[in-house]
Amino acid sequence: MNTVHSTRRPQQGLNLPMAWIGVVLLAVLVAVGLARWSGLDPRSPDAAVQWQRALHFADLPGGDIAVLDADSRQNVARFSGEQGFLRSTLRALARERQREKISAEAPFLLIGRTDGRLTLLDPATGQRIDLESFGPSNAAVFASLRLAGQEPMPQSHSR
């Protein structure tokens, strides 16, 4: 009696759990793609504007950055040294203006919201940077500009 042993391995069945994981991942990718394509904005709505200030930023010959109030054109702050976050934020917005061939004359808007968030907006391009996303110490650099250069209001004393 000759016994022939087959060297063929039985076919492995499709691994069902892995197939379902693949289907779910594909469905998520399609859903995200459709949401982005339709213009759906995944961010939560912005809180109301509590305050805003129009500012110009200028590079100075020594490498410093001057901050000017857009309305009065008065120098309200000056940043010296590396200032990595400030510089990179301003470069990102300036790069977009250059790409769209928009003049640097329009001011940026620093916006404080009722929920404590801080936004730097370029009305010329529509670009915005939500500053709190980069941590409190980086946002504080811009938060310091809210009242910079403004004289305190004299207090009246009533009796």
N, C-alpha and C. Protein backbone atom coordinates (compact mmCIF):
# COMPACT_ATOMS: atom_id res chain seq x y z
N MET A 1 0.82 -1.15 0.00
CA MET A 1 0.00 0.00 0.00
C MET A 1 0.89 1.24 0.00
N ASN A 2 0.70 2.04 -0.99
CA ASN A 2 1.45 3.28 -1.11
C ASN A 2 0.60 4.43 -0.58
N THR A 3 1.20 5.13 0.29
CA THR A 3 0.50 6.31 0.81
C THR A 3 1.19 7.54 0.24
N VAL A 4 0.43 8.33 -0.39
CA VAL A 4 0.97 9.56 -0.95
C VAL A 4 0.60 10.70 0.00
N HIS A 5 1.64 11.32 0.45
CA HIS A 5 1.40 12.46 1.34
C HIS A 5 1.45 13.74 0.52
N SER A 6 0.48 14.50 0.68
CA SER A 6 0.43 15.77 -0.05
C SER A 6 1.29 16.80 0.69
N THR A 7 2.07 17.54 -0.06
CA THR A 7 2.87 18.60 0.54
C THR A 7 2.13 19.94 0.46
N ARG A 8 0.94 19.90 -0.05
CA ARG A 8 0.15 21.13 -0.13
C ARG A 8 -0.40 21.46 1.25
N ARG A 9 -0.29 22.68 1.59
CA ARG A 9 -0.86 23.13 2.85
C ARG A 9 -2.32 23.48 2.62
N PRO A 10 -3.13 23.22 3.59
CA PRO A 10 -4.52 23.64 3.42
C PRO A 10 -4.57 25.16 3.33
N GLN A 11 -5.42 25.69 2.48
CA GLN A 11 -5.51 27.14 2.32
C GLN A 11 -5.98 27.76 3.62
N GLN A 12 -5.28 28.79 3.96
CA GLN A 12 -5.66 29.53 5.16
C GLN A 12 -6.91 30.32 4.82
N GLY A 13 -7.90 30.29 5.66
CA GLY A 13 -9.10 31.09 5.46
C GLY A 13 -8.76 32.56 5.71
N LEU A 14 -9.52 33.44 5.13
CA LEU A 14 -9.31 34.86 5.30
C LEU A 14 -9.46 35.18 6.79
N ASN A 15 -8.51 35.86 7.31
CA ASN A 15 -8.54 36.22 8.72
C ASN A 15 -9.64 37.26 8.92
N LEU A 16 -10.78 36.84 9.40
CA LEU A 16 -11.97 37.67 9.48
C LEU A 16 -11.79 38.93 10.34
N PRO A 17 -11.19 38.83 11.53
CA PRO A 17 -11.02 40.08 12.31
C PRO A 17 -10.16 41.11 11.58
N MET A 18 -9.12 40.68 10.90
CA MET A 18 -8.27 41.62 10.16
C MET A 18 -9.03 42.25 9.00
N ALA A 19 -9.88 41.48 8.37
CA ALA A 19 -10.68 42.02 7.27
C ALA A 19 -11.62 43.11 7.77
N TRP A 20 -12.23 42.90 8.93
CA TRP A 20 -13.13 43.91 9.48
C TRP A 20 -12.37 45.17 9.88
N ILE A 21 -11.18 44.99 10.43
CA ILE A 21 -10.37 46.16 10.77
C ILE A 21 -10.06 46.96 9.51
N GLY A 22 -9.72 46.27 8.43
CA GLY A 22 -9.45 46.95 7.17
C GLY A 22 -10.67 47.68 6.64
N VAL A 23 -11.83 47.07 6.74
CA VAL A 23 -13.07 47.71 6.28
C VAL A 23 -13.37 48.97 7.11
N VAL A 24 -13.20 48.88 8.42
CA VAL A 24 -13.47 50.02 9.29
C VAL A 24 -12.48 51.16 8.98
N LEU A 25 -11.20 50.84 8.82
CA LEU A 25 -10.20 51.87 8.49
C LEU A 25 -10.52 52.53 7.17
N LEU A 26 -10.89 51.77 6.19
CA LEU A 26 -11.26 52.32 4.88
C LEU A 26 -12.47 53.23 5.01
N ALA A 27 -13.47 52.81 5.79
CA ALA A 27 -14.67 53.63 5.99
C ALA A 27 -14.33 54.95 6.67
N VAL A 28 -13.43 54.91 7.66
CA VAL A 28 -13.03 56.14 8.35
C VAL A 28 -12.30 57.07 7.39
N LEU A 29 -11.40 56.54 6.60
CA LEU A 29 -10.67 57.36 5.63
C LEU A 29 -11.62 58.00 4.62
N VAL A 30 -12.59 57.25 4.14
CA VAL A 30 -13.56 57.79 3.19
C VAL A 30 -14.40 58.88 3.86
N ALA A 31 -14.84 58.65 5.10
CA ALA A 31 -15.65 59.64 5.81
C ALA A 31 -14.87 60.93 6.03
N VAL A 32 -13.62 60.82 6.45
CA VAL A 32 -12.79 62.01 6.67
C VAL A 32 -12.56 62.74 5.35
N GLY A 33 -12.27 61.99 4.31
CA GLY A 33 -12.08 62.60 2.99
C GLY A 33 -13.31 63.34 2.52
N LEU A 34 -14.47 62.75 2.67
CA LEU A 34 -15.72 63.41 2.27
C LEU A 34 -15.99 64.66 3.10
N ALA A 35 -15.71 64.58 4.40
CA ALA A 35 -15.92 65.74 5.27
C ALA A 35 -15.01 66.90 4.87
N ARG A 36 -13.74 66.60 4.60
CA ARG A 36 -12.80 67.65 4.19
C ARG A 36 -13.17 68.22 2.83
N TRP A 37 -13.58 67.35 1.91
CA TRP A 37 -13.93 67.77 0.56
C TRP A 37 -15.18 68.64 0.56
N SER A 38 -16.11 68.37 1.47
CA SER A 38 -17.35 69.13 1.53
C SER A 38 -17.17 70.47 2.24
N GLY A 39 -15.99 70.68 2.82
CA GLY A 39 -15.72 71.95 3.50
C GLY A 39 -16.10 71.96 4.96
N LEU A 40 -16.47 70.83 5.51
CA LEU A 40 -16.83 70.74 6.92
C LEU A 40 -15.62 71.11 7.77
N ASP A 41 -15.81 72.02 8.69
CA ASP A 41 -14.72 72.46 9.57
C ASP A 41 -14.80 71.69 10.88
N PRO A 42 -13.78 70.88 11.19
CA PRO A 42 -13.84 70.05 12.40
C PRO A 42 -13.65 70.82 13.70
N ARG A 43 -13.25 72.08 13.61
CA ARG A 43 -13.03 72.86 14.83
C ARG A 43 -14.36 73.25 15.45
N SER A 44 -14.32 73.43 16.75
CA SER A 44 -15.51 73.93 17.42
C SER A 44 -15.64 75.42 17.09
N PRO A 45 -16.85 75.94 17.14
CA PRO A 45 -17.02 77.36 16.79
C PRO A 45 -16.23 78.25 17.74
N ASP A 46 -15.79 79.37 17.22
CA ASP A 46 -15.04 80.32 18.03
C ASP A 46 -15.95 80.99 19.05
N ALA A 47 -15.41 81.25 20.22
CA ALA A 47 -16.13 82.03 21.22
C ALA A 47 -16.19 83.48 20.73
N ALA A 48 -17.06 84.25 21.34
CA ALA A 48 -17.22 85.66 20.96
C ALA A 48 -15.91 86.43 21.20
N VAL A 49 -15.71 87.46 20.40
CA VAL A 49 -14.54 88.32 20.54
C VAL A 49 -14.73 89.19 21.78
N GLN A 50 -13.76 89.15 22.67
CA GLN A 50 -13.79 89.99 23.86
C GLN A 50 -13.04 91.29 23.60
N TRP A 51 -11.92 91.17 22.89
CA TRP A 51 -11.12 92.34 22.54
C TRP A 51 -10.30 92.01 21.29
N GLN A 52 -9.89 93.04 20.60
CA GLN A 52 -8.98 92.83 19.47
C GLN A 52 -8.11 94.07 19.30
N ARG A 53 -6.96 93.84 18.72
CA ARG A 53 -6.02 94.94 18.50
C ARG A 53 -5.33 94.72 17.16
N ALA A 54 -5.31 95.77 16.35
CA ALA A 54 -4.64 95.74 15.04
C ALA A 54 -3.19 96.14 15.24
N LEU A 55 -2.27 95.28 14.76
CA LEU A 55 -0.84 95.50 14.97
C LEU A 55 -0.05 95.32 13.69
N HIS A 56 1.02 96.09 13.58
CA HIS A 56 2.02 95.90 12.53
C HIS A 56 3.29 95.38 13.20
N PHE A 57 3.99 94.52 12.52
CA PHE A 57 5.27 94.01 13.01
C PHE A 57 6.33 94.39 11.99
N ALA A 58 7.45 94.92 12.47
CA ALA A 58 8.51 95.37 11.56
C ALA A 58 9.86 94.82 12.02
N ASP A 59 10.63 94.33 11.05
CA ASP A 59 12.00 93.90 11.34
C ASP A 59 12.87 95.13 11.41
N LEU A 60 13.69 95.22 12.43
CA LEU A 60 14.60 96.35 12.60
C LEU A 60 16.00 95.93 12.19
N PRO A 61 16.85 96.89 11.82
CA PRO A 61 18.19 96.56 11.34
C PRO A 61 19.01 95.69 12.28
N GLY A 62 18.90 95.84 13.58
CA GLY A 62 19.69 95.05 14.52
C GLY A 62 19.13 93.66 14.77
N GLY A 63 18.06 93.29 14.06
CA GLY A 63 17.46 91.98 14.26
C GLY A 63 16.28 91.98 15.21
N ASP A 64 16.00 93.12 15.82
CA ASP A 64 14.85 93.21 16.72
C ASP A 64 13.56 93.27 15.91
N ILE A 65 12.46 93.05 16.61
CA ILE A 65 11.14 93.16 15.99
C ILE A 65 10.38 94.27 16.71
N ALA A 66 9.91 95.25 15.95
CA ALA A 66 9.11 96.34 16.51
C ALA A 66 7.64 96.01 16.29
N VAL A 67 6.85 96.31 17.30
CA VAL A 67 5.40 96.12 17.21
C VAL A 67 4.77 97.50 17.26
N LEU A 68 3.97 97.80 16.25
CA LEU A 68 3.32 99.10 16.14
C LEU A 68 1.82 98.95 16.23
N ASP A 69 1.18 99.87 16.95
CA ASP A 69 -0.28 99.91 16.96
C ASP A 69 -0.71 100.40 15.58
N ALA A 70 -1.61 99.69 14.93
CA ALA A 70 -1.99 100.03 13.56
C ALA A 70 -2.74 101.34 13.48
N ASP A 71 -3.50 101.69 14.52
CA ASP A 71 -4.27 102.93 14.49
C ASP A 71 -3.40 104.16 14.74
N SER A 72 -2.58 104.12 15.77
CA SER A 72 -1.78 105.29 16.14
C SER A 72 -0.40 105.29 15.50
N ARG A 73 0.03 104.14 14.96
CA ARG A 73 1.37 103.94 14.39
C ARG A 73 2.47 104.15 15.44
N GLN A 74 2.10 104.10 16.72
CA GLN A 74 3.05 104.23 17.81
C GLN A 74 3.71 102.88 18.09
N ASN A 75 4.99 102.94 18.42
CA ASN A 75 5.72 101.74 18.80
C ASN A 75 5.22 101.30 20.18
N VAL A 76 4.70 100.07 20.27
CA VAL A 76 4.13 99.61 21.55
C VAL A 76 4.98 98.54 22.21
N ALA A 77 5.85 97.91 21.46
CA ALA A 77 6.71 96.87 22.03
C ALA A 77 7.89 96.63 21.10
N ARG A 78 8.92 96.05 21.69
CA ARG A 78 10.11 95.69 20.91
C ARG A 78 10.63 94.37 21.45
N PHE A 79 10.88 93.43 20.55
CA PHE A 79 11.38 92.12 20.95
C PHE A 79 12.81 91.97 20.45
N SER A 80 13.69 91.61 21.36
CA SER A 80 15.09 91.39 21.03
C SER A 80 15.44 89.93 21.21
N GLY A 81 16.53 89.53 20.61
CA GLY A 81 16.99 88.16 20.77
C GLY A 81 16.31 87.22 19.80
N GLU A 82 16.40 85.94 20.11
CA GLU A 82 15.92 84.93 19.19
C GLU A 82 14.42 85.00 18.93
N GLN A 83 13.61 84.98 19.99
CA GLN A 83 12.16 85.07 19.85
C GLN A 83 11.63 84.08 18.82
N GLY A 84 11.99 82.82 18.94
CA GLY A 84 11.67 81.79 17.96
C GLY A 84 10.20 81.67 17.62
N PHE A 85 9.33 81.62 18.64
CA PHE A 85 7.91 81.45 18.37
C PHE A 85 7.33 82.67 17.67
N LEU A 86 7.66 83.85 18.16
CA LEU A 86 7.17 85.09 17.55
C LEU A 86 7.61 85.17 16.09
N ARG A 87 8.89 84.94 15.84
CA ARG A 87 9.41 85.03 14.48
C ARG A 87 8.78 83.99 13.55
N SER A 88 8.68 82.75 14.01
CA SER A 88 8.14 81.71 13.14
C SER A 88 6.65 81.94 12.85
N THR A 89 5.92 82.45 13.82
CA THR A 89 4.50 82.77 13.61
C THR A 89 4.34 83.87 12.56
N LEU A 90 5.12 84.92 12.71
CA LEU A 90 5.03 86.03 11.76
C LEU A 90 5.52 85.62 10.38
N ARG A 91 6.56 84.79 10.31
CA ARG A 91 7.05 84.31 9.01
C ARG A 91 5.99 83.50 8.28
N ALA A 92 5.27 82.66 9.02
CA ALA A 92 4.23 81.83 8.40
C ALA A 92 3.16 82.71 7.76
N LEU A 93 2.74 83.76 8.47
CA LEU A 93 1.72 84.65 7.91
C LEU A 93 2.29 85.50 6.76
N ALA A 94 3.51 85.96 6.89
CA ALA A 94 4.13 86.77 5.84
C ALA A 94 4.36 85.94 4.57
N ARG A 95 4.72 84.67 4.75
CA ARG A 95 4.93 83.78 3.60
C ARG A 95 3.64 83.64 2.78
N GLU A 96 2.52 83.54 3.47
CA GLU A 96 1.24 83.42 2.77
C GLU A 96 0.92 84.71 2.00
N ARG A 97 1.25 85.86 2.59
CA ARG A 97 1.04 87.12 1.89
C ARG A 97 1.91 87.19 0.64
N GLN A 98 3.16 86.77 0.75
CA GLN A 98 4.06 86.77 -0.41
C GLN A 98 3.55 85.83 -1.49
N ARG A 99 3.09 84.67 -1.08
CA ARG A 99 2.59 83.68 -2.03
C ARG A 99 1.40 84.22 -2.81
N GLU A 100 0.54 84.97 -2.13
CA GLU A 100 -0.65 85.54 -2.77
C GLU A 100 -0.39 86.94 -3.32
N LYS A 101 0.86 87.40 -3.24
CA LYS A 101 1.26 88.73 -3.74
C LYS A 101 0.42 89.84 -3.12
N ILE A 102 0.32 89.80 -1.79
CA ILE A 102 -0.43 90.80 -1.03
C ILE A 102 0.57 91.67 -0.28
N SER A 103 0.31 92.95 -0.26
CA SER A 103 1.18 93.91 0.42
C SER A 103 1.26 93.64 1.91
N ALA A 104 2.38 93.99 2.49
CA ALA A 104 2.59 93.81 3.94
C ALA A 104 2.00 94.98 4.74
N GLU A 105 1.33 95.90 4.08
CA GLU A 105 0.82 97.09 4.76
C GLU A 105 -0.38 96.82 5.67
N ALA A 106 -1.18 95.82 5.34
CA ALA A 106 -2.36 95.54 6.17
C ALA A 106 -1.92 95.01 7.53
N PRO A 107 -2.58 95.46 8.60
CA PRO A 107 -2.20 94.97 9.93
C PRO A 107 -2.72 93.56 10.19
N PHE A 108 -2.13 92.94 11.18
CA PHE A 108 -2.64 91.67 11.70
C PHE A 108 -3.58 92.00 12.86
N LEU A 109 -4.53 91.14 13.12
CA LEU A 109 -5.43 91.33 14.24
C LEU A 109 -5.11 90.31 15.33
N LEU A 110 -4.85 90.81 16.51
CA LEU A 110 -4.69 89.96 17.68
C LEU A 110 -6.04 89.96 18.38
N ILE A 111 -6.65 88.78 18.49
CA ILE A 111 -8.02 88.67 18.99
C ILE A 111 -8.04 87.84 20.26
N GLY A 112 -8.64 88.42 21.31
CA GLY A 112 -8.86 87.70 22.56
C GLY A 112 -10.33 87.32 22.63
N ARG A 113 -10.60 86.07 22.94
CA ARG A 113 -11.98 85.57 22.96
C ARG A 113 -12.46 85.38 24.39
N THR A 114 -13.77 85.31 24.54
CA THR A 114 -14.37 85.20 25.88
C THR A 114 -13.98 83.91 26.60
N ASP A 115 -13.56 82.89 25.86
CA ASP A 115 -13.14 81.64 26.50
C ASP A 115 -11.65 81.63 26.82
N GLY A 116 -10.98 82.77 26.65
CA GLY A 116 -9.56 82.88 26.98
C GLY A 116 -8.63 82.54 25.83
N ARG A 117 -9.16 82.11 24.71
CA ARG A 117 -8.31 81.78 23.57
C ARG A 117 -7.81 83.04 22.89
N LEU A 118 -6.69 82.88 22.23
CA LEU A 118 -6.03 84.00 21.57
C LEU A 118 -5.74 83.60 20.12
N THR A 119 -6.11 84.47 19.19
CA THR A 119 -5.93 84.19 17.77
C THR A 119 -5.18 85.34 17.12
N LEU A 120 -4.24 85.01 16.25
CA LEU A 120 -3.60 86.01 15.40
C LEU A 120 -4.16 85.79 14.01
N LEU A 121 -4.83 86.80 13.49
CA LEU A 121 -5.54 86.71 12.21
C LEU A 121 -4.94 87.67 11.21
N ASP A 122 -4.77 87.19 9.99
CA ASP A 122 -4.36 88.06 8.89
C ASP A 122 -5.59 88.28 8.02
N PRO A 123 -6.26 89.44 8.18
CA PRO A 123 -7.47 89.69 7.39
C PRO A 123 -7.20 89.73 5.89
N ALA A 124 -5.98 90.01 5.49
CA ALA A 124 -5.65 90.11 4.07
C ALA A 124 -5.70 88.75 3.38
N THR A 125 -5.31 87.69 4.08
CA THR A 125 -5.29 86.35 3.48
C THR A 125 -6.33 85.41 4.08
N GLY A 126 -6.87 85.78 5.24
CA GLY A 126 -7.80 84.89 5.94
C GLY A 126 -7.09 83.84 6.78
N GLN A 127 -5.76 83.83 6.78
CA GLN A 127 -5.00 82.87 7.58
C GLN A 127 -5.10 83.26 9.05
N ARG A 128 -5.13 82.23 9.91
CA ARG A 128 -5.20 82.47 11.34
C ARG A 128 -4.33 81.47 12.06
N ILE A 129 -3.84 81.90 13.20
CA ILE A 129 -3.07 81.01 14.05
C ILE A 129 -3.70 81.08 15.44
N ASP A 130 -4.18 79.92 15.90
CA ASP A 130 -4.74 79.83 17.24
C ASP A 130 -3.58 79.63 18.20
N LEU A 131 -3.20 80.70 18.87
CA LEU A 131 -1.96 80.74 19.63
C LEU A 131 -1.94 79.82 20.84
N GLU A 132 -3.08 79.57 21.46
CA GLU A 132 -3.09 78.70 22.64
C GLU A 132 -2.71 77.27 22.29
N SER A 133 -2.77 76.93 21.01
CA SER A 133 -2.39 75.58 20.57
C SER A 133 -0.90 75.31 20.80
N PHE A 134 -0.13 76.34 21.00
CA PHE A 134 1.32 76.20 21.14
C PHE A 134 1.78 76.31 22.58
N GLY A 135 0.84 76.27 23.50
CA GLY A 135 1.19 76.30 24.92
C GLY A 135 1.09 77.69 25.51
N PRO A 136 0.93 77.74 26.83
CA PRO A 136 0.71 79.03 27.49
C PRO A 136 1.90 79.99 27.42
N SER A 137 3.11 79.49 27.45
CA SER A 137 4.26 80.41 27.41
C SER A 137 4.39 81.06 26.03
N ASN A 138 4.09 80.31 24.97
CA ASN A 138 4.15 80.90 23.63
C ASN A 138 3.00 81.87 23.41
N ALA A 139 1.81 81.52 23.87
CA ALA A 139 0.66 82.42 23.73
C ALA A 139 0.88 83.70 24.54
N ALA A 140 1.59 83.59 25.66
CA ALA A 140 1.83 84.76 26.52
C ALA A 140 2.65 85.83 25.80
N VAL A 141 3.49 85.42 24.86
CA VAL A 141 4.28 86.40 24.09
C VAL A 141 3.32 87.36 23.39
N PHE A 142 2.28 86.83 22.78
CA PHE A 142 1.32 87.66 22.08
C PHE A 142 0.32 88.30 23.05
N ALA A 143 -0.04 87.60 24.11
CA ALA A 143 -0.99 88.15 25.08
C ALA A 143 -0.45 89.44 25.70
N SER A 144 0.87 89.53 25.82
CA SER A 144 1.48 90.73 26.40
C SER A 144 1.24 91.96 25.53
N LEU A 145 0.85 91.74 24.29
CA LEU A 145 0.64 92.87 23.37
C LEU A 145 -0.75 93.48 23.49
N ARG A 146 -1.62 92.85 24.26
CA ARG A 146 -2.99 93.35 24.37
C ARG A 146 -3.01 94.82 24.80
N LEU A 147 -2.29 95.14 25.85
CA LEU A 147 -2.31 96.50 26.39
C LEU A 147 -0.95 97.19 26.26
N ALA A 148 -0.02 96.59 25.57
CA ALA A 148 1.32 97.16 25.45
C ALA A 148 1.27 98.56 24.85
N GLY A 149 1.97 99.49 25.50
CA GLY A 149 2.08 100.85 25.00
C GLY A 149 0.88 101.72 25.29
N GLN A 150 -0.13 101.21 25.93
CA GLN A 150 -1.30 102.03 26.25
C GLN A 150 -1.13 102.60 27.65
N GLU A 151 -1.42 103.86 27.75
CA GLU A 151 -1.33 104.53 29.05
C GLU A 151 -2.50 104.07 29.92
N PRO A 152 -2.23 103.83 31.19
CA PRO A 152 -3.35 103.47 32.07
C PRO A 152 -4.32 104.65 32.20
N MET A 153 -5.59 104.32 32.25
CA MET A 153 -6.62 105.36 32.39
C MET A 153 -6.56 105.92 33.80
N PRO A 154 -6.62 107.27 33.92
CA PRO A 154 -6.63 107.82 35.27
C PRO A 154 -7.91 107.40 35.99
N GLN A 155 -7.75 107.04 37.25
CA GLN A 155 -8.91 106.61 38.02
C GLN A 155 -9.54 107.81 38.68
N SER A 156 -10.86 107.87 38.60
CA SER A 156 -11.55 108.98 39.27
C SER A 156 -12.03 108.47 40.62
N HIS A 157 -11.93 109.32 41.57
CA HIS A 157 -12.35 108.94 42.93
C HIS A 157 -13.60 109.74 43.25
N SER A 158 -14.70 109.06 43.51
CA SER A 158 -15.94 109.73 43.87
C SER A 158 -16.17 109.55 45.36
N ARG A 159 -16.72 110.55 45.94
CA ARG A 159 -17.04 110.45 47.36
C ARG A 159 -18.48 110.68 47.56
